[in-house]
Each structure stands twice: as C-alpha cells, then as structure tokens.
C-alpha cells in the first residue's frame, strides 16, 4: 500500500497512435504520446492503480501509479581514460602544470 502524501511517478497515454498528427515522422506517429509525471499521491493506492497526484507546480494529473520515491538513474557514462590525458593537457596549457 502506498500512502497518501508519498512522492510518486505516474504514467499516462496522452494520445493514442491513431490520433497523432499526419505530418510527424513515420516512426513517431506509429506510437502513442506518453507522459510520465512525478507528484504527491492524493489518496492511498497500490502500484498499477489509476491515481491522481499533485505536481510540484500544483497541477493535478491522473495516471497509472508506477513508482514510489522516484529518483534520477542516469549517469554521464563509463570512465573514459582519454579524459585524464585531456585534463592534464588543459592544466598545462592554462596553469603551467598540475599545481
């Protein structure tokens, strides 16, 4: 059970593929327009339930509850050894060394 007031993420299909504009690229107009929104849950619910949330800007949005306490999971990629070499070169050019 997810309690009212928890920070959650919801998913909603805003527009089915059949309703997409004709002038869109083919690969775009063949899929639905989807929205993922974060906000405060307005009533107790279970994952998968249709719920309402209040966003940080005060909007009320409806969608399927998909996540509790969402957070960013992206990164800037894996370690790139060349960046160490570039860092040293830049320090030498800008400051005359690693000092």
C-alpha atoms as a PDB file:
ATOM      1  CA  UNK A   1       0.000   0.000   0.000  1.00  0.00           C
ATOM      2  CA  UNK A   2       1.325   3.404  -0.994  1.00  0.00           C
ATOM      3  CA  UNK A   3       0.123   6.081   1.389  1.00  0.00           C
ATOM      4  CA  UNK A   4      -1.404   9.439   0.542  1.00  0.00           C
ATOM      5  CA  UNK A   5       1.267  12.140   0.510  1.00  0.00           C
ATOM      6  CA  UNK A   6       4.097   9.950  -0.843  1.00  0.00           C
ATOM      7  CA  UNK A   7       6.216  11.269  -3.733  1.00  0.00           C
ATOM      8  CA  UNK A   8       5.431   9.031  -6.725  1.00  0.00           C
ATOM      9  CA  UNK A   9       5.672   8.734 -10.504  1.00  0.00           C
ATOM     10  CA  UNK A  10       2.698   8.034 -12.741  1.00  0.00           C
ATOM     11  CA  UNK A  11       2.350   7.112 -16.423  1.00  0.00           C
ATOM     12  CA  UNK A  12      -0.385   8.206 -18.794  1.00  0.00           C
ATOM     13  CA  UNK A  13      -1.075   7.777 -22.507  1.00  0.00           C
ATOM     14  CA  UNK A  14      -1.953  11.286 -23.630  1.00  0.00           C
ATOM     15  CA  UNK A  15      -2.771  10.411 -27.240  1.00  0.00           C
ATOM     16  CA  UNK A  16      -3.117   7.048 -28.976  1.00  0.00           C
ATOM     17  CA  UNK A  17      -1.064   6.421 -32.108  1.00  0.00           C
ATOM     18  CA  UNK A  18      -4.220   6.744 -34.237  1.00  0.00           C
ATOM     19  CA  UNK A  19      -4.670  10.330 -33.029  1.00  0.00           C
ATOM     20  CA  UNK A  20      -1.149  11.537 -33.849  1.00  0.00           C
ATOM     21  CA  UNK A  21      -0.677  14.255 -36.493  1.00  0.00           C
ATOM     22  CA  UNK A  22      -0.027  13.088 -40.064  1.00  0.00           C
ATOM     23  CA  UNK A  23       2.944  15.422 -40.518  1.00  0.00           C
ATOM     24  CA  UNK A  24       5.015  13.625 -37.836  1.00  0.00           C
ATOM     25  CA  UNK A  25       7.819  11.269 -38.893  1.00  0.00           C
ATOM     26  CA  UNK A  26       6.522   7.728 -39.511  1.00  0.00           C
ATOM     27  CA  UNK A  27       8.345   6.198 -36.534  1.00  0.00           C
ATOM     28  CA  UNK A  28       6.859   8.853 -34.225  1.00  0.00           C
ATOM     29  CA  UNK A  29       3.258   8.724 -35.404  1.00  0.00           C
ATOM     30  CA  UNK A  30       3.177   4.936 -35.024  1.00  0.00           C
ATOM     31  CA  UNK A  31       3.489   5.102 -31.219  1.00  0.00           C
ATOM     32  CA  UNK A  32       1.303   6.762 -28.597  1.00  0.00           C
ATOM     33  CA  UNK A  33       2.230  10.069 -26.964  1.00  0.00           C
ATOM     34  CA  UNK A  34       3.092   9.157 -23.367  1.00  0.00           C
ATOM     35  CA  UNK A  35       3.638  11.213 -20.219  1.00  0.00           C
ATOM     36  CA  UNK A  36       5.473  10.353 -17.012  1.00  0.00           C
ATOM     37  CA  UNK A  37       4.783  12.737 -14.135  1.00  0.00           C
ATOM     38  CA  UNK A  38       6.019  12.984 -10.553  1.00  0.00           C
ATOM     39  CA  UNK A  39       3.984  14.352  -7.701  1.00  0.00           C
ATOM     40  CA  UNK A  40       2.376  13.829  -4.310  1.00  0.00           C
ATOM     41  CA  UNK A  41      -0.146  10.989  -4.181  1.00  0.00           C
ATOM     42  CA  UNK A  42      -3.614  12.304  -3.300  1.00  0.00           C
ATOM     43  CA  UNK A  43      -5.085   9.021  -1.945  1.00  0.00           C
ATOM     44  CA  UNK A  44      -3.807   5.635  -0.747  1.00  0.00           C
ATOM     45  CA  UNK A  45      -3.221   3.246  -3.656  1.00  0.00           C
ATOM     46  CA  UNK A  46      -1.341   0.212  -4.950  1.00  0.00           C
ATOM     47  CA  UNK A  47       1.229   0.102  -7.750  1.00  0.00           C
ATOM     48  CA  UNK A  48      -0.729  -0.230 -11.001  1.00  0.00           C
ATOM     49  CA  UNK A  49      -3.793   1.663  -9.751  1.00  0.00           C
ATOM     50  CA  UNK A  50      -5.143   4.706 -11.589  1.00  0.00           C
ATOM     51  CA  UNK A  51      -4.385   7.628  -9.268  1.00  0.00           C
ATOM     52  CA  UNK A  52      -4.177  11.390  -9.032  1.00  0.00           C
ATOM     53  CA  UNK A  53      -1.097  13.336  -7.990  1.00  0.00           C
ATOM     54  CA  UNK A  54      -0.388  16.972  -7.303  1.00  0.00           C
ATOM     55  CA  UNK A  55       2.769  18.086  -9.107  1.00  0.00           C
ATOM     56  CA  UNK A  56       5.384  20.449  -7.692  1.00  0.00           C
ATOM     57  CA  UNK A  57       3.708  23.256  -9.661  1.00  0.00           C
ATOM     58  CA  UNK A  58       0.264  22.489  -8.219  1.00  0.00           C
ATOM     59  CA  UNK A  59      -1.252  20.723 -11.269  1.00  0.00           C
ATOM     60  CA  UNK A  60      -3.455  17.684 -10.670  1.00  0.00           C
ATOM     61  CA  UNK A  61      -2.574  14.824 -13.033  1.00  0.00           C
ATOM     62  CA  UNK A  62      -4.084  11.352 -13.427  1.00  0.00           C
ATOM     63  CA  UNK A  63      -2.273   8.187 -14.447  1.00  0.00           C
ATOM     64  CA  UNK A  64      -1.162   4.680 -13.549  1.00  0.00           C
ATOM     65  CA  UNK A  65       0.978   4.546 -10.389  1.00  0.00           C
ATOM     66  CA  UNK A  66       4.328   3.059 -11.419  1.00  0.00           C
ATOM     67  CA  UNK A  67       6.944   4.067  -8.827  1.00  0.00           C
ATOM     68  CA  UNK A  68       7.304   5.279  -5.235  1.00  0.00           C
ATOM     69  CA  UNK A  69      10.100   7.738  -4.332  1.00  0.00           C
ATOM     70  CA  UNK A  70      11.401   8.094  -7.910  1.00  0.00           C
ATOM     71  CA  UNK A  71      14.934   9.342  -8.452  1.00  0.00           C
ATOM     72  CA  UNK A  72      17.238  10.004 -11.371  1.00  0.00           C
ATOM     73  CA  UNK A  73      19.036   6.878 -12.571  1.00  0.00           C
ATOM     74  CA  UNK A  74      21.081   8.295 -15.433  1.00  0.00           C
ATOM     75  CA  UNK A  75      24.801   8.916 -15.492  1.00  0.00           C
ATOM     76  CA  UNK A  76      27.324  10.560 -17.744  1.00  0.00           C
ATOM     77  CA  UNK A  77      28.593   7.196 -18.930  1.00  0.00           C
ATOM     78  CA  UNK A  78      31.525   4.971 -18.091  1.00  0.00           C
ATOM     79  CA  UNK A  79      35.056   6.044 -17.295  1.00  0.00           C
ATOM     80  CA  UNK A  80      36.925   7.417 -20.334  1.00  0.00           C
ATOM     81  CA  UNK A  81      40.719   7.232 -19.859  1.00  0.00           C
ATOM     82  CA  UNK A  82      41.340   9.888 -22.509  1.00  0.00           C
ATOM     83  CA  UNK A  83      39.716  12.466 -20.249  1.00  0.00           C
ATOM     84  CA  UNK A  84      42.558  12.148 -17.731  1.00  0.00           C
ATOM     85  CA  UNK A  85      45.052  12.927 -20.504  1.00  0.00           C
ATOM     86  CA  UNK A  86      42.954  15.879 -21.685  1.00  0.00           C
ATOM     87  CA  UNK A  87      42.697  17.181 -18.090  1.00  0.00           C
ATOM     88  CA  UNK A  88      46.474  17.156 -17.727  1.00  0.00           C
ATOM     89  CA  UNK A  89      46.961  18.857 -21.087  1.00  0.00           C
ATOM     90  CA  UNK A  90      44.459  21.592 -20.215  1.00  0.00           C
ATOM     91  CA  UNK A  91      46.076  22.203 -16.813  1.00  0.00           C
ATOM     92  CA  UNK A  92      49.459  22.549 -18.505  1.00  0.00           C
ATOM     93  CA  UNK A  93      48.098  24.978 -21.096  1.00  0.00           C
ATOM     94  CA  UNK A  94      46.035  27.065 -18.663  1.00  0.00           C
ATOM     95  CA  UNK A  95      48.067  26.988 -15.463  1.00  0.00           C
ATOM     96  CA  UNK A  96      51.538  25.744 -16.385  1.00  0.00           C
ATOM     97  CA  UNK A  97      51.142  22.335 -14.758  1.00  0.00           C
ATOM     98  CA  UNK A  98      49.109  20.384 -12.203  1.00  0.00           C
ATOM     99  CA  UNK A  99      49.550  22.977  -9.416  1.00  0.00           C
END
